[in-house]
Protein backbone atom coordinates (compact mmCIF):
# COMPACT_ATOMS: atom_id res chain seq x y z
CA MET A 1 9.05 -18.68 67.86
CA GLY A 2 5.92 -19.53 65.81
CA ARG A 3 3.86 -17.27 68.05
CA TYR A 4 6.25 -14.40 67.36
CA LEU A 5 5.95 -14.83 63.56
CA GLN A 6 2.16 -14.79 63.75
CA LEU A 7 2.25 -11.47 65.60
CA LEU A 8 4.53 -9.94 62.94
CA VAL A 9 2.22 -11.01 60.09
CA LEU A 10 -0.85 -9.60 61.85
CA PHE A 11 0.94 -6.30 62.45
CA PHE A 12 1.97 -6.04 58.79
CA LEU A 13 -1.56 -6.72 57.51
CA PHE A 14 -3.03 -4.21 59.94
CA SER A 15 -0.56 -1.53 58.81
CA CYS A 16 -1.29 -2.10 55.08
CA GLY A 17 -5.02 -2.01 55.58
CA LYS A 18 -4.74 1.22 57.48
CA GLU A 19 -2.64 2.83 54.71
CA GLY A 20 -5.11 1.70 51.98
CA ARG A 21 -7.96 3.29 53.93
CA LYS A 22 -5.97 6.53 54.06
CA VAL A 23 -5.56 6.57 50.23
CA ALA A 24 -9.24 5.82 49.75
CA GLU A 25 -10.14 8.54 52.23
CA ALA A 26 -7.84 10.94 50.38
CA GLN A 27 -9.47 10.07 47.05
CA GLU A 28 -12.92 10.53 48.44
CA LYS A 29 -12.06 14.06 49.61
CA ILE A 30 -11.52 15.34 45.97
CA ALA A 31 -14.53 17.28 44.70
CA PHE A 32 -14.63 18.40 41.06
CA ARG A 33 -17.00 19.79 38.47
CA GLY A 34 -16.50 20.62 34.81
CA ILE A 35 -17.39 24.14 33.70
CA ASP A 36 -18.05 25.30 30.14
CA ILE A 37 -16.77 22.15 28.37
CA PRO A 38 -17.52 22.35 24.60
CA HIS A 39 -18.41 19.40 22.39
CA LYS A 40 -17.50 20.98 19.04
CA MET A 41 -15.09 23.63 17.83
CA VAL A 42 -13.36 24.80 14.64
CA ALA A 43 -9.77 24.00 13.72
CA GLY A 44 -7.39 26.82 14.53
CA ASP A 45 -9.32 28.11 17.55
CA SER A 46 -7.93 27.94 21.08
CA LEU A 47 -9.73 26.13 23.87
CA ALA A 48 -9.75 26.28 27.67
CA LEU A 49 -11.18 23.39 29.70
CA LYS A 50 -12.18 24.57 33.20
CA PHE A 51 -12.87 22.48 36.29
CA GLU A 52 -13.77 23.36 39.86
CA VAL A 53 -11.58 21.12 42.00
CA ASP A 54 -11.53 20.94 45.77
CA GLY A 55 -8.81 18.95 47.44
CA GLY A 56 -7.00 17.67 44.38
CA SER A 57 -3.27 17.77 43.80
CA ASP A 58 -1.05 16.94 40.83
CA LEU A 59 -3.89 17.54 38.40
CA VAL A 60 -3.17 16.82 34.72
CA LEU A 61 -5.27 16.62 31.56
CA LEU A 62 -4.49 13.70 29.26
CA LEU A 63 -5.45 14.67 25.69
CA GLU A 64 -5.56 11.88 23.10
CA LYS A 65 -5.69 12.46 19.34
CA SER A 66 -4.49 10.70 16.20
CA PHE A 67 -0.98 12.13 16.55
CA GLY A 68 -0.65 10.62 20.05
CA PRO A 69 -1.36 11.65 23.67
CA SER A 70 -0.36 14.91 25.34
CA LEU A 71 -0.19 15.83 29.05
CA ILE A 72 -1.28 19.35 29.98
CA LYS A 73 -0.86 21.01 33.36
CA PRO A 74 -3.39 23.54 34.62
CA THR A 75 -3.19 27.07 35.87
CA PHE A 76 -5.22 27.78 39.02
CA VAL A 77 -7.49 30.70 39.70
CA GLY A 78 -8.70 29.99 43.21
CA ASP A 79 -10.44 26.60 43.10
CA LEU A 80 -10.69 26.82 39.30
CA ALA A 81 -8.25 24.66 37.29
CA VAL A 82 -7.86 25.93 33.73
CA PHE A 83 -6.27 23.76 31.00
CA SER A 84 -5.37 25.93 28.01
CA LEU A 85 -5.08 24.27 24.58
CA PRO A 86 -3.32 26.52 22.03
CA PRO A 87 -4.51 26.68 18.36
CA GLU A 88 -1.55 24.69 17.05
CA MET A 89 -2.58 21.79 19.27
CA LEU A 90 -6.09 21.81 17.76
CA ALA A 91 -5.21 22.31 14.09
CA GLN A 92 -6.10 18.77 13.04
CA SER A 93 -9.78 18.01 12.57
CA GLY A 94 -11.31 14.93 14.14
CA MET A 95 -12.31 13.55 17.53
CA TYR A 96 -10.27 14.42 20.65
CA HIS A 97 -10.61 12.46 23.92
CA TRP A 98 -9.55 13.86 27.29
CA GLN A 99 -9.16 12.55 30.84
CA LEU A 100 -8.87 14.61 34.02
CA ARG A 101 -6.53 12.87 36.46
CA ALA A 102 -5.16 13.51 39.92
CA SER A 103 -2.01 11.46 40.26
CA SER A 104 -3.14 8.06 38.98
CA GLN A 105 -6.81 8.61 39.82
CA LEU A 106 -9.25 9.16 36.93
CA LEU A 107 -11.64 11.95 37.91
CA LEU A 108 -13.50 12.72 34.72
CA ARG A 109 -13.38 11.94 31.02
CA GLY A 110 -14.98 13.32 27.87
CA HIS A 111 -14.43 14.23 24.25
CA PHE A 112 -14.93 17.01 21.75
CA GLU A 113 -14.79 17.27 17.96
CA VAL A 114 -12.65 19.67 15.94
CA LEU A 115 -14.31 20.59 12.64
CA PRO A 116 -12.54 21.77 9.45
CA ASN A 117 -12.33 25.52 9.15
CA ILE A 118 -14.42 26.20 6.05
CA GLU A 119 -13.79 29.94 6.37
CA THR A 120 -10.10 29.38 5.60
CA THR A 121 -10.33 27.16 2.49
CA ALA A 122 -6.79 27.25 1.19
CA SER A 123 -6.33 24.77 -1.65
CA ILE A 124 -7.69 21.88 -3.68
CA GLU A 125 -5.56 18.81 -4.22
CA THR A 126 -6.39 17.43 -7.67
CA TYR A 127 -5.36 14.23 -9.40
CA PHE A 128 -6.29 13.67 -13.04
CA GLY A 129 -5.78 10.63 -15.22
CA PRO A 130 -5.23 8.84 -17.37
CA ARG A 131 -3.85 11.74 -19.38
CA GLY A 132 -4.52 9.99 -22.70
CA ILE A 133 -7.91 8.56 -23.72
CA ARG A 134 -9.62 7.49 -26.97
CA ALA A 135 -12.35 9.37 -28.80
CA GLY A 136 -15.86 7.97 -29.01
CA GLY A 137 -17.37 8.62 -25.58
CA GLY A 138 -16.52 5.23 -24.11
CA ASP A 139 -13.25 6.27 -22.49
CA PHE A 140 -12.81 8.73 -19.62
CA SER A 141 -10.33 10.49 -17.39
CA MET A 142 -11.11 10.78 -13.67
CA LEU A 143 -10.70 14.05 -11.77
CA PHE A 144 -10.13 13.34 -8.06
CA MET A 145 -10.44 16.34 -5.70
CA VAL A 146 -9.67 16.94 -2.02
CA PRO A 147 -10.57 20.49 -0.83
CA LEU A 148 -8.49 21.55 2.19
CA ASP A 149 -8.67 24.27 4.80
CA ALA A 150 -5.70 26.36 5.93
CA TYR A 151 -4.67 23.58 8.34
CA ASP A 152 -4.65 20.87 5.66
CA ASN A 153 -7.92 19.33 6.84
CA PRO A 154 -10.37 17.97 4.24
CA LEU A 155 -13.53 20.06 4.17
CA PRO A 156 -16.71 18.45 5.57
CA ASP A 157 -18.90 16.08 3.57
CA GLY A 158 -21.39 17.83 1.34
CA THR A 159 -19.01 20.63 0.36
CA LEU A 160 -19.94 21.77 -3.15
CA LEU A 161 -17.24 21.84 -5.83
CA ARG A 162 -17.51 23.07 -9.41
CA VAL A 163 -15.70 21.22 -12.20
CA HIS A 164 -15.07 23.19 -15.40
CA GLN A 165 -14.50 21.14 -18.56
CA LEU A 166 -13.45 22.63 -21.90
CA MET A 167 -13.68 20.27 -24.87
CA ASP A 168 -14.59 20.75 -28.55
CA LYS A 169 -14.58 24.52 -27.91
CA GLY A 170 -17.49 24.08 -25.49
CA LEU A 171 -17.27 24.95 -21.77
CA LYS A 172 -19.30 22.88 -19.31
CA THR A 173 -19.65 23.22 -15.52
CA ILE A 174 -20.40 20.17 -13.37
CA SER A 175 -21.32 20.33 -9.66
CA VAL A 176 -20.11 17.60 -7.31
CA THR A 177 -20.11 17.25 -3.52
CA THR A 178 -17.57 15.70 -1.20
CA LYS A 179 -18.05 12.44 0.65
CA ASN A 180 -15.52 11.01 3.11
CA GLY A 181 -13.37 14.07 2.50
CA TYR A 182 -13.05 13.84 -1.28
CA ALA A 183 -14.99 14.06 -4.54
CA PHE A 184 -14.43 12.67 -8.01
CA GLN A 185 -15.90 13.06 -11.46
CA ASN A 186 -15.49 10.87 -14.56
CA LEU A 187 -15.04 13.07 -17.63
CA TYR A 188 -15.80 11.19 -20.85
CA SER A 189 -14.31 11.84 -24.27
CA SER A 190 -16.32 13.10 -27.21
CA ASP A 191 -16.33 11.86 -30.80
CA LYS A 192 -13.73 14.43 -31.78
CA ALA A 193 -10.01 14.03 -31.09
CA GLY A 194 -8.23 16.91 -29.37
CA ARG A 195 -7.59 18.08 -25.81
CA MET A 196 -9.76 18.11 -22.72
CA LEU A 197 -8.99 20.94 -20.27
CA VAL A 198 -10.38 20.81 -16.72
CA ASN A 199 -10.07 22.55 -13.38
CA ALA A 200 -11.95 22.55 -10.06
CA ALA A 201 -13.14 25.33 -7.74
CA VAL A 202 -14.53 25.54 -4.22
CA HIS A 203 -15.57 28.82 -2.61
CA ASN A 204 -13.02 31.27 -4.02
CA VAL A 205 -10.22 28.75 -4.42
CA ARG A 206 -9.37 27.22 -7.81
CA SER A 207 -7.10 24.41 -8.89
CA LYS A 208 -4.57 24.56 -11.70
CA GLU A 209 -5.49 23.62 -15.27
CA LEU A 210 -5.20 19.93 -16.10
CA THR A 211 -5.09 18.34 -19.55
CA SER A 212 -6.05 15.00 -21.06
CA VAL A 213 -5.29 14.23 -24.70
CA VAL A 214 -8.20 12.66 -26.61
CA SER A 215 -6.64 10.46 -29.29
CA PRO A 216 -8.45 9.09 -32.34
CA SER A 217 -10.20 5.76 -31.93
CA ASN A 218 -9.25 2.60 -33.86
CA SER A 219 -8.76 3.18 -37.56
CA VAL A 220 -11.20 1.82 -40.13
CA ASP A 221 -10.33 0.01 -43.37
CA PHE A 222 -8.47 2.06 -45.95
CA SER A 223 -7.04 1.78 -49.47
CA ILE A 224 -3.51 1.66 -50.86
CA ALA A 225 -1.85 2.61 -54.14
CA TYR A 226 1.67 2.36 -55.54
CA GLN A 227 4.16 4.38 -57.54
CA ARG A 228 7.09 3.03 -59.56
CA VAL A 229 9.36 4.20 -62.36
CA HIS A 230 8.82 1.08 -64.51
CA ASP A 231 7.49 -2.46 -64.26
CA PHE A 232 10.74 -4.35 -64.88
CA ALA A 233 12.21 -6.68 -62.26
CA ASP A 234 15.64 -5.08 -62.25
CA GLY A 235 16.30 -5.33 -58.49
CA ASN A 236 17.39 -1.71 -58.57
CA GLN A 237 14.43 0.67 -58.56
CA VAL A 238 12.07 1.19 -55.62
CA VAL A 239 8.32 0.68 -55.41
CA LEU A 240 6.51 3.22 -53.23
CA PHE A 241 3.35 2.09 -51.42
CA LYS A 242 1.03 4.79 -50.12
CA THR A 243 -2.15 4.62 -48.06
CA SER A 244 -5.21 6.78 -48.26
CA PRO A 245 -5.62 9.08 -45.20
CA LEU A 246 -6.30 6.82 -42.22
CA ARG A 247 -9.28 7.82 -40.07
CA ASP A 248 -11.34 6.36 -37.25
CA ARG A 249 -15.08 5.76 -37.45
CA TYR A 250 -15.75 9.29 -36.20
CA GLY A 251 -13.74 10.89 -38.99
CA ASN A 252 -10.69 11.73 -36.87
CA GLN A 253 -7.34 11.44 -38.59
CA VAL A 254 -5.20 8.81 -36.85
CA ALA A 255 -2.29 9.95 -34.72
CA ASP A 256 1.06 10.58 -36.36
CA GLY A 257 3.38 7.61 -35.97
CA THR A 258 0.71 4.92 -36.38
CA LEU A 259 2.52 1.85 -37.74
CA VAL A 260 1.29 0.36 -41.03
CA ASN A 261 2.65 -3.00 -42.26
CA PHE A 262 2.67 -3.72 -46.00
CA SER A 263 2.55 -7.48 -46.58
CA ILE A 264 3.56 -8.89 -49.99
CA VAL A 265 2.96 -12.43 -51.26
CA ASP A 266 4.48 -13.49 -54.61
CA GLN A 267 3.39 -16.21 -57.03
CA ARG A 268 5.45 -18.82 -55.15
CA GLY A 269 3.88 -18.00 -51.79
CA ALA A 270 7.02 -16.27 -50.52
CA ARG A 271 6.32 -13.34 -48.20
CA LEU A 272 7.97 -9.94 -48.12
CA LYS A 273 7.23 -7.06 -45.79
CA THR A 274 7.88 -3.37 -45.49
CA GLN A 275 6.36 -0.83 -43.15
CA GLY A 276 5.84 2.85 -42.61
CA THR A 277 4.37 5.24 -40.07
CA THR A 278 1.66 7.80 -40.64
CA LEU A 279 2.27 11.49 -41.08
CA ALA A 280 -0.83 13.63 -41.50
CA GLY A 281 -2.77 10.36 -41.66
CA VAL A 282 -0.84 8.88 -44.60
CA ALA A 283 1.74 6.08 -44.38
CA THR A 284 4.29 5.16 -47.04
CA GLY A 285 6.45 2.08 -47.47
CA ARG A 286 9.28 1.35 -49.89
CA ILE A 287 10.76 -1.86 -51.25
CA LEU A 288 13.16 -2.79 -54.08
CA HIS A 289 11.93 -4.31 -57.31
CA PRO A 290 12.41 -8.08 -57.48
CA THR A 291 15.25 -9.49 -59.57
CA GLU A 292 13.01 -11.76 -61.62
CA ALA A 293 9.55 -11.63 -63.12
CA SER A 294 7.05 -11.69 -60.26
CA GLU A 295 3.40 -11.31 -59.43
CA TRP A 296 2.79 -9.57 -56.13
CA LYS A 297 -0.33 -9.29 -54.01
CA VAL A 298 0.02 -6.42 -51.55
CA THR A 299 -2.15 -5.78 -48.46
CA ALA A 300 -1.55 -3.23 -45.71
CA TYR A 301 -2.50 -3.67 -42.04
CA VAL A 302 -2.75 -1.61 -38.89
CA THR A 303 -2.28 -4.45 -36.43
CA GLY A 304 -5.44 -5.29 -34.53
CA GLU A 305 -7.43 -2.45 -36.11
CA SER A 306 -7.85 -2.29 -39.87
CA LYS A 307 -6.60 -3.41 -43.26
CA SER A 308 -6.53 -2.24 -46.86
CA ASN A 309 -7.67 -3.66 -50.14
CA THR A 310 -5.42 -6.27 -51.81
CA MET A 311 -3.51 -4.80 -54.74
CA ASP A 312 -1.96 -6.77 -57.65
CA LEU A 313 1.47 -5.74 -58.86
CA ASP A 314 3.27 -7.50 -61.74
CA PHE A 315 6.91 -7.24 -62.82
CA LYS A 316 8.41 -8.26 -66.17
CA THR A 317 11.84 -9.74 -66.53
CA ALA A 318 14.48 -7.07 -67.00
CA VAL A 319 16.99 -9.34 -68.76
CA GLY A 320 16.23 -10.74 -72.20
CA ASP A 321 19.21 -13.06 -72.61
CA PHE A 322 22.82 -13.50 -71.57
CA LYS A 323 25.92 -15.16 -72.99
CA VAL A 324 28.12 -17.82 -71.39
CA ALA A 325 31.67 -18.43 -72.67
CA PHE A 326 33.85 -21.33 -71.49
CA SER A 327 37.61 -21.57 -71.33
CA GLN A 328 39.53 -24.50 -72.76
CA GLY A 329 38.63 -27.55 -70.70
CA HIS A 330 35.45 -25.78 -69.47
CA ARG A 331 37.05 -25.01 -66.12
CA ARG A 332 36.08 -21.34 -66.27
CA ALA A 333 32.72 -19.86 -67.32
CA GLU A 334 32.42 -16.16 -68.23
CA ILE A 335 28.90 -14.69 -68.11
CA GLY A 336 27.94 -11.46 -69.79
CA PRO A 337 27.89 -8.72 -70.41
CA ILE A 338 24.28 -8.94 -69.23
CA LEU A 339 22.08 -6.19 -70.63
CA GLY A 340 18.85 -4.80 -69.22
CA PHE A 341 15.57 -3.77 -70.80
CA MET A 342 17.07 -0.60 -72.35
CA GLY A 343 20.27 -2.28 -73.49
CA GLN A 344 22.09 -0.98 -70.41
CA LEU A 345 24.40 -3.00 -68.20
CA VAL A 346 22.46 -4.57 -65.36
CA PRO A 347 23.10 -3.09 -61.90
CA ASP A 348 26.01 -4.45 -59.90
CA GLY A 349 24.99 -7.19 -57.51
CA LEU A 350 22.58 -9.12 -59.72
CA LEU A 351 22.51 -12.68 -58.39
CA ILE A 352 23.68 -15.49 -60.67
CA THR A 353 23.33 -19.11 -59.55
CA LEU A 354 25.14 -22.13 -61.00
CA HIS A 355 23.74 -25.63 -60.38
CA ILE A 356 26.27 -28.41 -61.06
CA ARG A 357 24.95 -31.91 -61.78
CA ASP A 358 26.69 -35.09 -62.85
CA ALA A 359 25.97 -36.97 -66.07
CA ASN A 360 23.03 -38.73 -64.39
CA GLY A 361 21.42 -35.45 -63.31
CA LYS A 362 22.34 -35.73 -59.62
CA LEU A 363 22.98 -32.36 -57.99
CA ILE A 364 26.60 -32.09 -56.88
CA ASP A 365 26.98 -28.45 -55.92
CA THR A 366 25.40 -25.00 -56.12
CA LYS A 367 27.54 -21.87 -56.52
CA THR A 368 26.51 -18.22 -56.52
CA THR A 369 28.09 -14.96 -57.56
CA HIS A 370 27.04 -11.40 -58.38
CA THR A 371 27.52 -9.19 -61.39
CA TYR A 372 30.08 -6.42 -61.53
CA LYS A 373 29.91 -4.06 -64.49
CA GLY A 374 27.45 -6.46 -66.09
CA LYS A 375 29.73 -9.51 -65.91
CA ALA A 376 30.43 -12.48 -63.65
CA SER A 377 32.44 -15.72 -63.74
CA PHE A 378 32.65 -19.18 -62.17
CA ASP A 379 35.77 -21.34 -61.70
CA LEU A 380 35.59 -25.14 -61.53
CA PRO A 381 39.00 -26.36 -60.27
CA LYS A 382 39.82 -30.03 -60.77
CA ARG A 383 40.57 -30.68 -57.10
CA PHE A 384 36.84 -30.22 -56.48
CA TYR A 385 35.45 -31.30 -59.83
CA PRO A 386 37.49 -34.13 -61.39
CA GLY A 387 37.46 -34.61 -65.15
CA ALA A 388 34.06 -35.97 -66.25
CA ASN A 389 30.84 -34.99 -67.99
CA TYR A 390 28.71 -32.43 -66.13
CA GLN A 391 25.44 -30.61 -66.55
CA LEU A 392 25.80 -26.85 -65.80
CA ILE A 393 22.66 -24.74 -65.29
CA PHE A 394 23.07 -20.94 -65.07
CA ASP A 395 20.15 -19.03 -63.55
CA THR A 396 19.73 -15.26 -63.29
CA ALA A 397 16.67 -13.00 -63.39
CA ASP A 398 14.53 -16.14 -63.80
CA ILE A 399 16.33 -16.96 -67.06
CA LYS A 400 18.04 -20.35 -67.19
CA LYS A 401 20.70 -21.66 -69.56
CA GLU A 402 21.80 -25.29 -69.55
CA PHE A 403 25.06 -26.76 -70.90
CA GLN A 404 26.42 -30.30 -71.14
CA VAL A 405 30.21 -30.03 -70.77
CA ALA A 406 33.18 -32.31 -70.28
CA LEU A 407 35.64 -30.99 -67.72
CA THR A 408 39.21 -31.89 -68.66
CA ASP A 409 42.50 -31.52 -66.87
CA ASN A 410 43.67 -28.74 -69.18
CA GLY A 411 41.89 -26.05 -67.16
CA LEU A 412 42.33 -24.54 -63.71
CA GLU A 413 44.24 -26.31 -60.96
């Protein structure tokens, strides 16, 4: 039995070895030679790779490119195998690698390069930005250019492009060359605000017009002034603050809409603020008169850029005096009529404050009200203020009146 198995194994090995020699002998019988194989061509052209082949069967050409591999079968003219590559297969520029194969056997390999078709320059892709820069020559917009042939291939390195720049009514032409398929040019601003217009050209192809807005640079210090109807602290009229025309250090008027903050500090250190935006370089801000005599110091700012002079603004009290009348038992106080600087009734809404202290001067309560038709009143009901001696201090328009009163139970409930 063992002897029989040994004979079977020897027969199997002998058969396999004989078959392998047949394949090798078949491979050795293939004779081939490449004819007229180019190394360079232009995108959009057709190509035929020709080989003299003797004894081969199932010939194919494996073509590898960036889009992936392709298998191409030949046409035969006698012993000549011709592999035709149509223009659409060779539209992309770059390196192509090919392999000539018979079944799984590699017979020959090589490569060729497809160059951009500079005779069919079709367009220029342009990218421009940022589209807003500052005047002064330190800021720039970049023009990025990719010239393309009719098959969307970037033109070869060294291709000359012309950049046209129109700024400050002056036209300038700049020459740049491509590298790695593209070119770029930094276009700097001038000292004058306005618009920068650019375009690019290669051969007879031109790009569209592109625009970058050159805005004024940071503003420089400026001055402010004010307008008002009178100098009384009536809490009714409006003070108008106005800047001089705001400009940058190159003399450009700042852009419309530039925010200006007007900061006000009074004699007590309290701060007020109003703001305005520029129009034709000038900003205005408005604020009501104070309700009491005040001394203002006003400064305007463009945040992070510039500031104005500090301006003094004084207001006189608008109320000379006022009357206070008490009801029986002093439970009700009638104030007014309060007259202004022309003998007129003060505007509605004038604040009146009442400070209530006990006989020892300790503050018990603070009440507020506002004038209506020049008058106001306070009620002191006994459920909140039991009968006793009180100190009442009335304060309006920075004028104070003090009364020592005895609240009795004959007044308001």
